[in-house]
């Protein structure tokens, strides 16, 4: 029941990511991006960046979640000597 995590808010964060961040730093190819099949950590990193362009409450929520996200990336099975593209993109987005 958290308004900052509603489907509408999450869609807004995704839109903000692609209209504000990805236009300046094109790390993700929008025509081939599919939120329905994206790895959860990858999608979360995109949503968090988008949330930073939203209101103050969304920005603060994104910062709090971001602080605990990094260990999850490094502990993920996809973080290996030969990581998949999504893993590299997630690390770049979190940095």
C-alpha atoms as a PDB file:
ATOM      1  CA  UNK A   1       0.000   0.000   0.000  1.00  0.00           C
ATOM      2  CA  UNK A   2       3.029   2.291  -0.309  1.00  0.00           C
ATOM      3  CA  UNK A   3       2.244   4.981  -2.924  1.00  0.00           C
ATOM      4  CA  UNK A   4       5.937   5.367  -3.805  1.00  0.00           C
ATOM      5  CA  UNK A   5       6.012   1.694  -4.839  1.00  0.00           C
ATOM      6  CA  UNK A   6       2.705   1.539  -6.696  1.00  0.00           C
ATOM      7  CA  UNK A   7       2.652   0.261 -10.271  1.00  0.00           C
ATOM      8  CA  UNK A   8       1.924   3.791 -11.477  1.00  0.00           C
ATOM      9  CA  UNK A   9       4.920   5.191  -9.569  1.00  0.00           C
ATOM     10  CA  UNK A  10       7.231   2.438 -10.807  1.00  0.00           C
ATOM     11  CA  UNK A  11       6.142   3.112 -14.391  1.00  0.00           C
ATOM     12  CA  UNK A  12       6.823   6.797 -13.813  1.00  0.00           C
ATOM     13  CA  UNK A  13      10.344   6.017 -12.525  1.00  0.00           C
ATOM     14  CA  UNK A  14      10.979   3.850 -15.583  1.00  0.00           C
ATOM     15  CA  UNK A  15       9.793   6.652 -17.868  1.00  0.00           C
ATOM     16  CA  UNK A  16      11.939   9.186 -16.004  1.00  0.00           C
ATOM     17  CA  UNK A  17      14.982   6.947 -16.376  1.00  0.00           C
ATOM     18  CA  UNK A  18      14.608   6.747 -20.142  1.00  0.00           C
ATOM     19  CA  UNK A  19      13.670  10.410 -20.658  1.00  0.00           C
ATOM     20  CA  UNK A  20      16.102  12.020 -18.226  1.00  0.00           C
ATOM     21  CA  UNK A  21      19.064   9.722 -17.545  1.00  0.00           C
ATOM     22  CA  UNK A  22      19.346   7.433 -20.541  1.00  0.00           C
ATOM     23  CA  UNK A  23      19.203  10.342 -22.986  1.00  0.00           C
ATOM     24  CA  UNK A  24      22.338  11.823 -21.397  1.00  0.00           C
ATOM     25  CA  UNK A  25      24.060   8.492 -20.693  1.00  0.00           C
ATOM     26  CA  UNK A  26      22.693   5.938 -23.191  1.00  0.00           C
ATOM     27  CA  UNK A  27      23.553   2.704 -21.422  1.00  0.00           C
ATOM     28  CA  UNK A  28      20.388   0.822 -22.342  1.00  0.00           C
ATOM     29  CA  UNK A  29      18.953   0.278 -25.795  1.00  0.00           C
ATOM     30  CA  UNK A  30      15.291   1.184 -25.295  1.00  0.00           C
ATOM     31  CA  UNK A  31      13.836  -0.713 -28.299  1.00  0.00           C
ATOM     32  CA  UNK A  32      15.247  -4.006 -27.001  1.00  0.00           C
ATOM     33  CA  UNK A  33      14.634  -3.377 -23.293  1.00  0.00           C
ATOM     34  CA  UNK A  34      11.783  -5.427 -21.812  1.00  0.00           C
ATOM     35  CA  UNK A  35      10.913  -4.741 -18.178  1.00  0.00           C
ATOM     36  CA  UNK A  36       8.933  -7.999 -18.042  1.00  0.00           C
ATOM     37  CA  UNK A  37      12.004 -10.139 -18.686  1.00  0.00           C
ATOM     38  CA  UNK A  38      14.744  -7.971 -17.158  1.00  0.00           C
ATOM     39  CA  UNK A  39      16.754  -9.384 -14.283  1.00  0.00           C
ATOM     40  CA  UNK A  40      15.298  -7.992 -11.023  1.00  0.00           C
ATOM     41  CA  UNK A  41      18.510  -6.256  -9.868  1.00  0.00           C
ATOM     42  CA  UNK A  42      18.958  -4.698 -13.305  1.00  0.00           C
ATOM     43  CA  UNK A  43      15.379  -3.438 -13.349  1.00  0.00           C
ATOM     44  CA  UNK A  44      15.709  -2.171  -9.789  1.00  0.00           C
ATOM     45  CA  UNK A  45      18.815  -0.159 -10.670  1.00  0.00           C
ATOM     46  CA  UNK A  46      16.912   1.479 -13.537  1.00  0.00           C
ATOM     47  CA  UNK A  47      13.899   2.233 -11.354  1.00  0.00           C
ATOM     48  CA  UNK A  48      16.065   3.723  -8.608  1.00  0.00           C
ATOM     49  CA  UNK A  49      17.800   6.077 -11.016  1.00  0.00           C
ATOM     50  CA  UNK A  50      14.448   7.108 -12.427  1.00  0.00           C
ATOM     51  CA  UNK A  51      13.104   7.719  -8.920  1.00  0.00           C
ATOM     52  CA  UNK A  52      15.911  10.188  -8.262  1.00  0.00           C
ATOM     53  CA  UNK A  53      14.349  12.404 -10.936  1.00  0.00           C
ATOM     54  CA  UNK A  54      10.937  12.244  -9.245  1.00  0.00           C
ATOM     55  CA  UNK A  55       9.796  14.028  -6.085  1.00  0.00           C
ATOM     56  CA  UNK A  56      11.816  14.357  -2.878  1.00  0.00           C
ATOM     57  CA  UNK A  57      10.204  11.345  -1.173  1.00  0.00           C
ATOM     58  CA  UNK A  58      10.871   9.065  -4.143  1.00  0.00           C
ATOM     59  CA  UNK A  59      14.443  10.322  -4.329  1.00  0.00           C
ATOM     60  CA  UNK A  60      15.025   9.580  -0.636  1.00  0.00           C
ATOM     61  CA  UNK A  61      13.510   6.107  -0.994  1.00  0.00           C
ATOM     62  CA  UNK A  62      15.801   5.400  -3.948  1.00  0.00           C
ATOM     63  CA  UNK A  63      18.858   6.463  -1.959  1.00  0.00           C
ATOM     64  CA  UNK A  64      17.901   4.214   0.967  1.00  0.00           C
ATOM     65  CA  UNK A  65      17.353   1.199  -1.282  1.00  0.00           C
ATOM     66  CA  UNK A  66      20.524   1.917  -3.242  1.00  0.00           C
ATOM     67  CA  UNK A  67      22.583   1.748  -0.059  1.00  0.00           C
ATOM     68  CA  UNK A  68      21.689  -1.913   0.457  1.00  0.00           C
ATOM     69  CA  UNK A  69      21.669  -2.939  -3.196  1.00  0.00           C
ATOM     70  CA  UNK A  70      25.399  -3.135  -3.943  1.00  0.00           C
ATOM     71  CA  UNK A  71      26.081  -6.248  -1.797  1.00  0.00           C
ATOM     72  CA  UNK A  72      23.170  -7.987  -3.539  1.00  0.00           C
ATOM     73  CA  UNK A  73      24.800  -7.399  -6.926  1.00  0.00           C
ATOM     74  CA  UNK A  74      28.155  -8.758  -5.856  1.00  0.00           C
ATOM     75  CA  UNK A  75      26.515 -11.792  -4.218  1.00  0.00           C
ATOM     76  CA  UNK A  76      24.409 -12.609  -7.300  1.00  0.00           C
ATOM     77  CA  UNK A  77      25.365 -15.675  -9.326  1.00  0.00           C
ATOM     78  CA  UNK A  78      25.570 -13.454 -12.425  1.00  0.00           C
ATOM     79  CA  UNK A  79      28.520 -11.593 -10.918  1.00  0.00           C
ATOM     80  CA  UNK A  80      31.365 -13.694 -12.247  1.00  0.00           C
ATOM     81  CA  UNK A  81      34.666 -13.290 -14.105  1.00  0.00           C
ATOM     82  CA  UNK A  82      32.649 -13.311 -17.363  1.00  0.00           C
ATOM     83  CA  UNK A  83      29.484 -11.434 -16.418  1.00  0.00           C
ATOM     84  CA  UNK A  84      26.477 -11.081 -18.669  1.00  0.00           C
ATOM     85  CA  UNK A  85      25.691  -7.666 -20.153  1.00  0.00           C
ATOM     86  CA  UNK A  86      22.886  -6.968 -17.682  1.00  0.00           C
ATOM     87  CA  UNK A  87      25.317  -7.486 -14.782  1.00  0.00           C
ATOM     88  CA  UNK A  88      27.760  -4.944 -16.193  1.00  0.00           C
ATOM     89  CA  UNK A  89      24.959  -2.473 -16.873  1.00  0.00           C
ATOM     90  CA  UNK A  90      23.621  -2.908 -13.348  1.00  0.00           C
ATOM     91  CA  UNK A  91      27.038  -2.217 -11.835  1.00  0.00           C
ATOM     92  CA  UNK A  92      27.425   0.905 -13.995  1.00  0.00           C
ATOM     93  CA  UNK A  93      23.967   2.153 -13.076  1.00  0.00           C
ATOM     94  CA  UNK A  94      24.561   1.655  -9.364  1.00  0.00           C
ATOM     95  CA  UNK A  95      27.868   3.458  -9.509  1.00  0.00           C
END
